[in-house]
Each structure stands twice: as structure tokens, then as C-alpha cells.
C-alpha atoms as a PDB file:
ATOM      1  CA  MET A   1       9.863   0.979  17.879  1.00  0.00           C
ATOM      2  CA  GLY A   2       9.745   4.743  17.362  1.00  0.00           C
ATOM      3  CA  VAL A   3       9.269   6.832  14.262  1.00  0.00           C
ATOM      4  CA  PHE A   4      10.707   4.605  11.578  1.00  0.00           C
ATOM      5  CA  GLN A   5      14.053   5.278   9.940  1.00  0.00           C
ATOM      6  CA  ASN A   6      14.013   9.048   9.604  1.00  0.00           C
ATOM      7  CA  ASN A   7      17.590   8.757   8.403  1.00  0.00           C
ATOM      8  CA  LEU A   8      16.552   6.559   5.494  1.00  0.00           C
ATOM      9  CA  LEU A   9      13.691   8.853   4.582  1.00  0.00           C
ATOM     10  CA  ALA A  10      16.032  11.827   4.610  1.00  0.00           C
ATOM     11  CA  ALA A  11      18.653   9.940   2.618  1.00  0.00           C
ATOM     12  CA  SER A  12      16.067   8.956   0.049  1.00  0.00           C
ATOM     13  CA  ALA A  13      14.856  12.537  -0.282  1.00  0.00           C
ATOM     14  CA  ALA A  14      18.423  13.762  -0.619  1.00  0.00           C
ATOM     15  CA  ALA A  15      19.149  11.175  -3.301  1.00  0.00           C
ATOM     16  CA  ALA A  16      16.092  12.237  -5.273  1.00  0.00           C
ATOM     17  CA  SER A  17      16.900  15.941  -5.046  1.00  0.00           C
ATOM     18  CA  ALA A  18      20.514  15.270  -6.026  1.00  0.00           C
ATOM     19  CA  GLY A  19      19.446  13.540  -9.212  1.00  0.00           C
ATOM     20  CA  GLY A  20      17.140  10.567  -8.875  1.00  0.00           C
ATOM     21  CA  ALA A  21      17.906   9.242 -12.340  1.00  0.00           C
ATOM     22  CA  GLY A  22      21.490   8.575 -11.289  1.00  0.00           C
ATOM     23  CA  PHE A  23      20.620   6.892  -8.005  1.00  0.00           C
ATOM     24  CA  TYR A  24      17.545   4.830  -8.862  1.00  0.00           C
ATOM     25  CA  SER A  25      17.882   2.041 -11.415  1.00  0.00           C
ATOM     26  CA  TYR A  26      14.080   1.847 -11.641  1.00  0.00           C
ATOM     27  CA  GLN A  27      11.977   4.982 -11.872  1.00  0.00           C
ATOM     28  CA  ILE A  28       8.441   5.458 -10.544  1.00  0.00           C
ATOM     29  CA  GLU A  29       7.261   8.476 -12.468  1.00  0.00           C
ATOM     30  CA  GLN A  30       3.975   9.347 -10.793  1.00  0.00           C
ATOM     31  CA  SER A  31       1.607   8.685  -7.910  1.00  0.00           C
ATOM     32  CA  LEU A  32      -2.065   8.946  -7.020  1.00  0.00           C
ATOM     33  CA  ARG A  33      -3.067  11.901  -4.834  1.00  0.00           C
ATOM     34  CA  LEU A  34      -5.880  11.249  -2.353  1.00  0.00           C
ATOM     35  CA  ASP A  35      -7.274  14.167  -0.369  1.00  0.00           C
ATOM     36  CA  GLY A  36      -8.875  12.210   2.453  1.00  0.00           C
ATOM     37  CA  THR A  37     -12.288  13.224   1.156  1.00  0.00           C
ATOM     38  CA  SER A  38     -15.300  10.979   1.580  1.00  0.00           C
ATOM     39  CA  ASN A  39     -16.178   9.032  -1.580  1.00  0.00           C
ATOM     40  CA  GLN A  40     -12.768   9.781  -3.172  1.00  0.00           C
ATOM     41  CA  TYR A  41     -11.319   6.364  -3.975  1.00  0.00           C
ATOM     42  CA  MET A  42     -11.264   3.627  -6.620  1.00  0.00           C
ATOM     43  CA  TYR A  43     -12.849   0.191  -6.537  1.00  0.00           C
ATOM     44  CA  LYS A  44     -13.045  -3.184  -8.283  1.00  0.00           C
ATOM     45  CA  ALA A  45     -15.435  -6.116  -7.808  1.00  0.00           C
ATOM     46  CA  VAL A  46     -13.932  -9.400  -6.589  1.00  0.00           C
ATOM     47  CA  SER A  47     -15.404 -12.649  -7.851  1.00  0.00           C
ATOM     48  CA  GLY A  48     -14.247 -16.241  -7.420  1.00  0.00           C
ATOM     49  CA  ALA A  49     -11.865 -15.631  -4.507  1.00  0.00           C
ATOM     50  CA  THR A  50     -11.456 -18.032  -1.599  1.00  0.00           C
ATOM     51  CA  ALA A  51     -11.922 -16.168   1.685  1.00  0.00           C
ATOM     52  CA  GLN A  52      -9.363 -17.975   3.836  1.00  0.00           C
ATOM     53  CA  THR A  53      -6.434 -17.288   1.551  1.00  0.00           C
ATOM     54  CA  GLN A  54      -2.973 -15.852   1.817  1.00  0.00           C
ATOM     55  CA  PHE A  55      -1.987 -12.672  -0.023  1.00  0.00           C
ATOM     56  CA  THR A  56       0.846 -10.235  -0.639  1.00  0.00           C
ATOM     57  CA  VAL A  57       0.372  -6.483  -0.957  1.00  0.00           C
ATOM     58  CA  SER A  58       3.138  -4.003  -1.776  1.00  0.00           C
ATOM     59  CA  PHE A  59       2.818  -0.235  -2.113  1.00  0.00           C
ATOM     60  CA  TRP A  60       4.522   3.107  -1.458  1.00  0.00           C
ATOM     61  CA  ILE A  61       2.765   5.928   0.394  1.00  0.00           C
ATOM     62  CA  LYS A  62       3.542   9.450   1.482  1.00  0.00           C
ATOM     63  CA  ARG A  63       1.220  10.728   4.158  1.00  0.00           C
ATOM     64  CA  ALA A  64      -0.303  14.192   3.996  1.00  0.00           C
ATOM     65  CA  GLY A  65      -2.478  14.337   7.094  1.00  0.00           C
ATOM     66  CA  ALA A  66      -2.689  12.993  10.614  1.00  0.00           C
ATOM     67  CA  VAL A  67      -5.157  10.334  11.703  1.00  0.00           C
ATOM     68  CA  ASP A  68      -7.551  11.407  14.449  1.00  0.00           C
ATOM     69  CA  THR A  69      -7.127   9.370  17.634  1.00  0.00           C
ATOM     70  CA  GLY A  70      -9.410   6.353  17.532  1.00  0.00           C
ATOM     71  CA  SER A  71      -9.820   6.639  13.766  1.00  0.00           C
ATOM     72  CA  ARG A  72      -8.166   5.028  10.755  1.00  0.00           C
ATOM     73  CA  GLN A  73      -7.142   5.793   7.209  1.00  0.00           C
ATOM     74  CA  VAL A  74      -7.443   2.833   4.851  1.00  0.00           C
ATOM     75  CA  ILE A  75      -4.967   2.390   1.998  1.00  0.00           C
ATOM     76  CA  LEU A  76      -6.558  -0.806   0.678  1.00  0.00           C
ATOM     77  CA  GLY A  77      -9.849  -2.145   1.964  1.00  0.00           C
ATOM     78  CA  ASN A  78     -13.164  -3.766   1.171  1.00  0.00           C
ATOM     79  CA  SER A  79     -16.692  -2.496   0.735  1.00  0.00           C
ATOM     80  CA  ASP A  80     -17.980  -4.876   3.427  1.00  0.00           C
ATOM     81  CA  GLY A  81     -15.594  -3.375   6.013  1.00  0.00           C
ATOM     82  CA  ALA A  82     -13.554  -6.552   6.596  1.00  0.00           C
ATOM     83  CA  GLY A  83     -10.059  -6.929   5.254  1.00  0.00           C
ATOM     84  CA  GLN A  84      -8.470  -3.486   5.671  1.00  0.00           C
ATOM     85  CA  ILE A  85      -4.857  -2.367   5.355  1.00  0.00           C
ATOM     86  CA  GLN A  86      -4.840   0.801   7.387  1.00  0.00           C
ATOM     87  CA  ILE A  87      -2.970   3.316   9.473  1.00  0.00           C
ATOM     88  CA  ARG A  88      -4.774   3.516  12.786  1.00  0.00           C
ATOM     89  CA  ALA A  89      -4.290   6.046  15.548  1.00  0.00           C
ATOM     90  CA  ASP A  90      -4.497   4.553  19.032  1.00  0.00           C
ATOM     91  CA  ASP A  91      -3.545   6.990  21.795  1.00  0.00           C
ATOM     92  CA  SER A  92      -1.994   9.243  19.118  1.00  0.00           C
ATOM     93  CA  ASN A  93       0.285   6.480  17.817  1.00  0.00           C
ATOM     94  CA  ASP A  94      -0.036   5.906  14.077  1.00  0.00           C
ATOM     95  CA  THR A  95       0.462   2.166  13.514  1.00  0.00           C
ATOM     96  CA  MET A  96       0.095   0.083  10.361  1.00  0.00           C
ATOM     97  CA  ARG A  97      -2.209  -2.899  10.552  1.00  0.00           C
ATOM     98  CA  TYR A  98      -4.182  -5.414   8.553  1.00  0.00           C
ATOM     99  CA  SER A  99      -7.537  -6.073  10.170  1.00  0.00           C
ATOM    100  CA  SER A 100      -9.988  -8.854   9.363  1.00  0.00           C
ATOM    101  CA  TYR A 101     -11.564 -10.245  12.542  1.00  0.00           C
ATOM    102  CA  GLY A 102      -8.024 -10.901  13.659  1.00  0.00           C
ATOM    103  CA  GLY A 103      -5.022  -8.663  13.241  1.00  0.00           C
ATOM    104  CA  ILE A 104      -1.549  -8.173  11.837  1.00  0.00           C
ATOM    105  CA  GLU A 105      -0.235  -5.009  13.451  1.00  0.00           C
ATOM    106  CA  THR A 106       3.153  -3.347  13.771  1.00  0.00           C
ATOM    107  CA  ASP A 107       4.682  -1.896  16.900  1.00  0.00           C
ATOM    108  CA  GLY A 108       6.157   0.876  14.738  1.00  0.00           C
ATOM    109  CA  VAL A 109       4.778   4.406  14.484  1.00  0.00           C
ATOM    110  CA  TYR A 110       4.573   6.102  11.088  1.00  0.00           C
ATOM    111  CA  ARG A 111       3.745   9.778  11.440  1.00  0.00           C
ATOM    112  CA  GLY A 112       6.159  11.255   8.897  1.00  0.00           C
ATOM    113  CA  THR A 113       4.701  13.361   6.090  1.00  0.00           C
ATOM    114  CA  SER A 114       7.887  14.465   4.297  1.00  0.00           C
ATOM    115  CA  GLY A 115       9.096  11.150   2.846  1.00  0.00           C
ATOM    116  CA  TRP A 116       7.883   7.956   1.237  1.00  0.00           C
ATOM    117  CA  TYR A 117       7.320   4.672   3.057  1.00  0.00           C
ATOM    118  CA  HIS A 118       7.307   1.292   1.360  1.00  0.00           C
ATOM    119  CA  PHE A 119       4.962  -1.215   2.996  1.00  0.00           C
ATOM    120  CA  HIS A 120       5.133  -4.901   2.152  1.00  0.00           C
ATOM    121  CA  ILE A 121       2.490  -7.019   3.862  1.00  0.00           C
ATOM    122  CA  TYR A 122       1.815 -10.705   3.550  1.00  0.00           C
ATOM    123  CA  ARG A 123      -0.753 -12.780   5.331  1.00  0.00           C
ATOM    124  CA  ALA A 124      -0.415 -16.538   5.685  1.00  0.00           C
ATOM    125  CA  THR A 125      -3.305 -18.861   6.468  1.00  0.00           C
ATOM    126  CA  THR A 126      -2.053 -19.785   9.962  1.00  0.00           C
ATOM    127  CA  ASN A 127      -1.273 -17.666  13.008  1.00  0.00           C
ATOM    128  CA  ASN A 128       2.201 -16.188  13.561  1.00  0.00           C
ATOM    129  CA  ASN A 129       3.203 -16.508   9.914  1.00  0.00           C
ATOM    130  CA  ALA A 130       2.359 -13.033   8.612  1.00  0.00           C
ATOM    131  CA  ALA A 131       4.806 -10.170   8.203  1.00  0.00           C
ATOM    132  CA  ILE A 132       4.954  -6.425   7.625  1.00  0.00           C
ATOM    133  CA  TYR A 133       8.105  -4.890   6.165  1.00  0.00           C
ATOM    134  CA  VAL A 134       8.626  -1.141   6.164  1.00  0.00           C
ATOM    135  CA  ASN A 135      11.345   0.239   3.915  1.00  0.00           C
ATOM    136  CA  GLY A 136      12.835  -3.234   3.663  1.00  0.00           C
ATOM    137  CA  VAL A 137      12.945  -3.960   7.412  1.00  0.00           C
ATOM    138  CA  ASN A 138      10.857  -6.691   9.039  1.00  0.00           C
ATOM    139  CA  GLN A 139       8.736  -5.086  11.761  1.00  0.00           C
ATOM    140  CA  SER A 140       8.023  -6.304  15.258  1.00  0.00           C
ATOM    141  CA  LEU A 141       4.337  -7.198  15.426  1.00  0.00           C
ATOM    142  CA  SER A 142       1.967  -6.666  18.327  1.00  0.00           C
ATOM    143  CA  ALA A 143      -0.566  -8.977  16.651  1.00  0.00           C
ATOM    144  CA  ASN A 144      -0.036 -11.820  14.184  1.00  0.00           C
ATOM    145  CA  THR A 145      -3.238 -13.786  13.694  1.00  0.00           C
ATOM    146  CA  ALA A 146      -4.620 -15.102  10.438  1.00  0.00           C
ATOM    147  CA  GLY A 147      -8.171 -13.905  11.063  1.00  0.00           C
ATOM    148  CA  SER A 148     -11.131 -15.081   9.045  1.00  0.00           C
ATOM    149  CA  SER A 149     -10.327 -13.845   5.554  1.00  0.00           C
ATOM    150  CA  GLY A 150      -7.825 -12.286   3.205  1.00  0.00           C
ATOM    151  CA  ILE A 151      -7.908  -8.911   1.475  1.00  0.00           C
ATOM    152  CA  PHE A 152      -9.533 -10.476  -1.622  1.00  0.00           C
ATOM    153  CA  ARG A 153     -13.104 -11.013  -0.479  1.00  0.00           C
ATOM    154  CA  ASN A 154     -15.580 -12.724  -2.774  1.00  0.00           C
ATOM    155  CA  SER A 155     -18.657 -10.683  -3.786  1.00  0.00           C
ATOM    156  CA  SER A 156     -17.122  -7.543  -2.303  1.00  0.00           C
ATOM    157  CA  ASN A 157     -15.359  -4.552  -3.835  1.00  0.00           C
ATOM    158  CA  LEU A 158     -11.666  -3.970  -3.299  1.00  0.00           C
ATOM    159  CA  GLU A 159     -11.121  -0.266  -2.585  1.00  0.00           C
ATOM    160  CA  VAL A 160      -7.967   1.813  -2.936  1.00  0.00           C
ATOM    161  CA  GLY A 161      -7.947   4.693  -0.465  1.00  0.00           C
ATOM    162  CA  SER A 162     -11.014   3.695   1.544  1.00  0.00           C
ATOM    163  CA  SER A 163     -13.280   0.958   2.892  1.00  0.00           C
ATOM    164  CA  ASN A 164     -17.021   0.490   3.437  1.00  0.00           C
ATOM    165  CA  GLY A 165     -17.900   2.070   0.098  1.00  0.00           C
ATOM    166  CA  GLY A 166     -15.866   5.263   0.378  1.00  0.00           C
ATOM    167  CA  SER A 167     -15.290   5.777   4.125  1.00  0.00           C
ATOM    168  CA  ASN A 168     -12.143   5.966   6.308  1.00  0.00           C
ATOM    169  CA  ASN A 169     -10.357   7.719   3.451  1.00  0.00           C
ATOM    170  CA  PHE A 170      -6.590   7.886   3.127  1.00  0.00           C
ATOM    171  CA  HIS A 171      -4.971  11.348   2.936  1.00  0.00           C
ATOM    172  CA  GLY A 172      -1.733  11.289   0.986  1.00  0.00           C
ATOM    173  CA  TYR A 173      -0.060   9.776  -2.045  1.00  0.00           C
ATOM    174  CA  VAL A 174       0.018   6.165  -3.242  1.00  0.00           C
ATOM    175  CA  ALA A 175       2.433   4.695  -5.792  1.00  0.00           C
ATOM    176  CA  GLU A 176       3.291   1.329  -7.320  1.00  0.00           C
ATOM    177  CA  MET A 177       0.588  -0.832  -5.715  1.00  0.00           C
ATOM    178  CA  TYR A 178       0.607  -4.602  -6.161  1.00  0.00           C
ATOM    179  CA  GLY A 179      -2.110  -6.960  -4.961  1.00  0.00           C
ATOM    180  CA  ILE A 180      -1.178 -10.640  -5.218  1.00  0.00           C
ATOM    181  CA  TYR A 181      -3.805 -13.281  -4.450  1.00  0.00           C
ATOM    182  CA  ASP A 182      -2.935 -16.597  -2.764  1.00  0.00           C
ATOM    183  CA  GLN A 183       0.834 -16.059  -2.796  1.00  0.00           C
ATOM    184  CA  ASN A 184       3.364 -14.926  -0.201  1.00  0.00           C
ATOM    185  CA  LEU A 185       6.121 -13.115  -2.092  1.00  0.00           C
ATOM    186  CA  ALA A 186       9.354 -11.875  -0.531  1.00  0.00           C
ATOM    187  CA  HIS A 187       9.829  -8.152   0.066  1.00  0.00           C
ATOM    188  CA  THR A 188      13.024  -8.351  -2.000  1.00  0.00           C
ATOM    189  CA  VAL A 189      10.898  -8.917  -5.111  1.00  0.00           C
ATOM    190  CA  PHE A 190       9.734  -5.309  -4.800  1.00  0.00           C
ATOM    191  CA  GLY A 191      12.784  -3.441  -3.511  1.00  0.00           C
ATOM    192  CA  GLU A 192      16.433  -3.533  -2.492  1.00  0.00           C
ATOM    193  CA  PHE A 193      18.936  -1.605  -0.412  1.00  0.00           C
ATOM    194  CA  LYS A 194      21.372   0.774  -2.081  1.00  0.00           C
ATOM    195  CA  ASN A 195      23.828   2.677   0.108  1.00  0.00           C
ATOM    196  CA  GLY A 196      21.555   2.001   3.063  1.00  0.00           C
ATOM    197  CA  VAL A 197      18.432   3.337   1.305  1.00  0.00           C
ATOM    198  CA  TRP A 198      15.501   1.092   0.397  1.00  0.00           C
ATOM    199  CA  ILE A 199      14.664   1.690  -3.277  1.00  0.00           C
ATOM    200  CA  PRO A 200      12.069   0.154  -5.609  1.00  0.00           C
ATOM    201  CA  LYS A 201      12.683  -2.560  -8.177  1.00  0.00           C
ATOM    202  CA  ASP A 202      10.691  -3.369 -11.298  1.00  0.00           C
ATOM    203  CA  ALA A 203       8.879  -6.331  -9.780  1.00  0.00           C
ATOM    204  CA  SER A 204       6.438  -6.904 -12.622  1.00  0.00           C
ATOM    205  CA  SER A 205       8.864  -9.031 -14.642  1.00  0.00           C
ATOM    206  CA  SER A 206       9.487 -11.311 -11.629  1.00  0.00           C
ATOM    207  CA  ILE A 207       5.842 -12.035 -10.795  1.00  0.00           C
ATOM    208  CA  THR A 208       3.586 -14.628 -12.356  1.00  0.00           C
ATOM    209  CA  PHE A 209       0.310 -12.759 -12.084  1.00  0.00           C
ATOM    210  CA  GLY A 210      -2.768 -14.834 -11.288  1.00  0.00           C
ATOM    211  CA  SER A 211      -6.261 -13.999 -12.469  1.00  0.00           C
ATOM    212  CA  GLN A 212      -7.141 -12.077  -9.277  1.00  0.00           C
ATOM    213  CA  ASP A 213      -3.926 -10.039  -9.138  1.00  0.00           C
ATOM    214  CA  PHE A 214      -3.510  -6.371  -9.964  1.00  0.00           C
ATOM    215  CA  TYR A 215      -0.726  -3.850 -10.443  1.00  0.00           C
ATOM    216  CA  LEU A 216      -1.601  -0.148 -10.269  1.00  0.00           C
ATOM    217  CA  LYS A 217       0.951   2.318 -11.645  1.00  0.00           C
ATOM    218  CA  PHE A 218      -1.456   5.285 -11.959  1.00  0.00           C
ATOM    219  CA  GLU A 219       0.418   6.099 -15.158  1.00  0.00           C
ATOM    220  CA  ASN A 220      -2.544   7.213 -17.288  1.00  0.00           C
ATOM    221  CA  ALA A 221      -4.160  10.391 -15.935  1.00  0.00           C
ATOM    222  CA  SER A 222      -7.324   9.724 -17.947  1.00  0.00           C
ATOM    223  CA  ASP A 223      -7.508   6.091 -16.745  1.00  0.00           C
ATOM    224  CA  LEU A 224      -6.064   6.099 -13.225  1.00  0.00           C
ATOM    225  CA  GLY A 225      -7.451   2.680 -12.318  1.00  0.00           C
ATOM    226  CA  ASN A 226      -5.837   0.842 -15.225  1.00  0.00           C
ATOM    227  CA  ASP A 227      -4.395  -2.533 -14.202  1.00  0.00           C
ATOM    228  CA  SER A 228      -0.903  -3.208 -15.584  1.00  0.00           C
ATOM    229  CA  SER A 229      -0.758  -6.890 -14.564  1.00  0.00           C
ATOM    230  CA  GLY A 230      -2.136  -8.047 -17.911  1.00  0.00           C
ATOM    231  CA  ASN A 231      -5.365  -9.269 -16.299  1.00  0.00           C
ATOM    232  CA  ASN A 232      -7.488  -6.188 -17.028  1.00  0.00           C
ATOM    233  CA  ASN A 233      -8.502  -6.045 -13.376  1.00  0.00           C
ATOM    234  CA  ASP A 234      -9.137  -2.340 -13.773  1.00  0.00           C
ATOM    235  CA  PHE A 235     -10.433  -0.163 -10.929  1.00  0.00           C
ATOM    236  CA  THR A 236     -13.257   2.340 -11.346  1.00  0.00           C
ATOM    237  CA  VAL A 237     -12.560   5.816  -9.985  1.00  0.00           C
ATOM    238  CA  SER A 238     -14.884   7.785  -7.737  1.00  0.00           C
ATOM    239  CA  ASN A 239     -14.382  11.560  -7.553  1.00  0.00           C
ATOM    240  CA  LEU A 240     -10.857  11.275  -8.942  1.00  0.00           C
ATOM    241  CA  GLY A 241      -9.819  13.282 -11.983  1.00  0.00           C
ATOM    242  CA  ALA A 242      -6.707  13.693 -14.081  1.00  0.00           C
ATOM    243  CA  ASP A 243      -5.365  16.206 -11.538  1.00  0.00           C
ATOM    244  CA  HIS A 244      -5.062  13.369  -9.006  1.00  0.00           C
ATOM    245  CA  GLN A 245      -2.096  11.998 -10.902  1.00  0.00           C
ATOM    246  CA  VAL A 246       0.947  13.891  -9.649  1.00  0.00           C
ATOM    247  CA  LEU A 247       4.669  13.945 -10.428  1.00  0.00           C
ATOM    248  CA  ASP A 248       5.733  12.989  -6.942  1.00  0.00           C
ATOM    249  CA  SER A 249       7.010   9.503  -6.249  1.00  0.00           C
ATOM    250  CA  PRO A 250       9.589   7.524  -4.252  1.00  0.00           C
ATOM    251  CA  THR A 251      12.137   8.206  -7.013  1.00  0.00           C
ATOM    252  CA  PHE A 252      11.044  11.628  -8.245  1.00  0.00           C
ATOM    253  CA  GLY A 253      10.072  14.658  -6.154  1.00  0.00           C
ATOM    254  CA  SER A 254       8.025  17.411  -7.769  1.00  0.00           C
END
């Protein structure tokens, strides 16, 4: 599959510029800006998780920089290096994958830097039962193996924007990030199509959050890692200040 749905990205941008409040029933008012700089990320300790578990992760990103061939940019990862949701460049193709000693990887290429992508990823505990949705569309996968562990890794730190304690840093914007432990939730919990455009929904009222789960809205510039799930699973910021909250989102362009 080639560069994904440029028409939908353009339609979404046009809808926002034409008056997002009239098009989007649910507004995302801000995002987190990450500069791709080493040690610029946020992290949270994980305790009491079962390694071989399923999960669901949902987030919006807008890329700001290319990935060097053979390298990766991690949107959500772990301090021990296993369990990484990343964009990886292989032979100049930027593919989305979840890697944990076994892979879930799309055939799609996601190089665009002008529009927002919604990624919905769930991992089951058996092979061939994972999925990656991009802007509401189920992607063809070049790998679909359960691997040895989920994204929630006991006695490790979850990291937003990096892995391995601040390496492989993501360059771009992140909005509306959900991490759901030991559940596989449908992509339609988090978004829906309107006039052919995939738009966000307020998923928080539809989710029964477990004790490991988190929901990052990046809504408080002085507390960017605040967890809005009700669990107080707050993330600690590293080299991120109030200026890393920006008024650019899937429903509002600055």
C-alpha cells in the first residue's frame, strides 16, 4: 500500500481550516510537540503487569521529520528496549510497527508531514490476531506475531516519544493518547467516519479504565504528563516545558 489516504488528510485539513467547530463533534484542543531531541520524552513506571498480555493503544500523530534509513522513531516504548510502537525506515519506506521479539507491522508507508494520522493498534496473545488501523482503515500486515510481551512491561518504564531511557526519539506532534492494558478495544471506540473523513470521538466515557490504563490529553501546559483516566497514572516529563503544548491538533490547526 502506498502513502496512505492523502485525500483524507487533505479533506481533514480543509475541514479544519473551514471551521473545525462546525465539522468535528468532539474537539481536541492541543497536542504535545516533540523535537526529536535525545532525552526529550515522558515516562511512567509499570508495576504489577503481566508480560504476555493483550493491549490497545490509540493516538494521533503529525510527523515533523523523516526517519533515517535503518533507524526508528518511537511514539510509545519501554526503557528496556522491548515493546516499541514505532515508525521505522527500511529502504526509505516509513512503516508503522509494534516490535517485541516478534512483530506487528504494516505494509503501508506513512511519510506525510502536513496532516494528522490516527493509529489504533491492538495486540492479542496469539499469532495472527493483532491489527493496526490507520485513519479508520484496517491495514494489511507484513508481520502479525504475538511476540513475547505487551507494551506494559513489569518493572520497566513506559515512555512517550522514546525508548531505552530517552533514545530513538519521535519528531512531531502527539495528541489524544490512550493506553489500555489487557483489553482489545475496537477502533470505532476512538473515531468515526464523517463525509469520508476519519474524525475523533470522545472515547473516555465508553472505556472502563483498569488500574494500568492511561489517557494523555496534554491539556495542562504545566503538567503535561497528567493522566486523565482517573487512575493517576501520571507521566514524568524530561526536557519538556510548557512551550511543548501547542494549539495544533486533529481538529484544530494553529
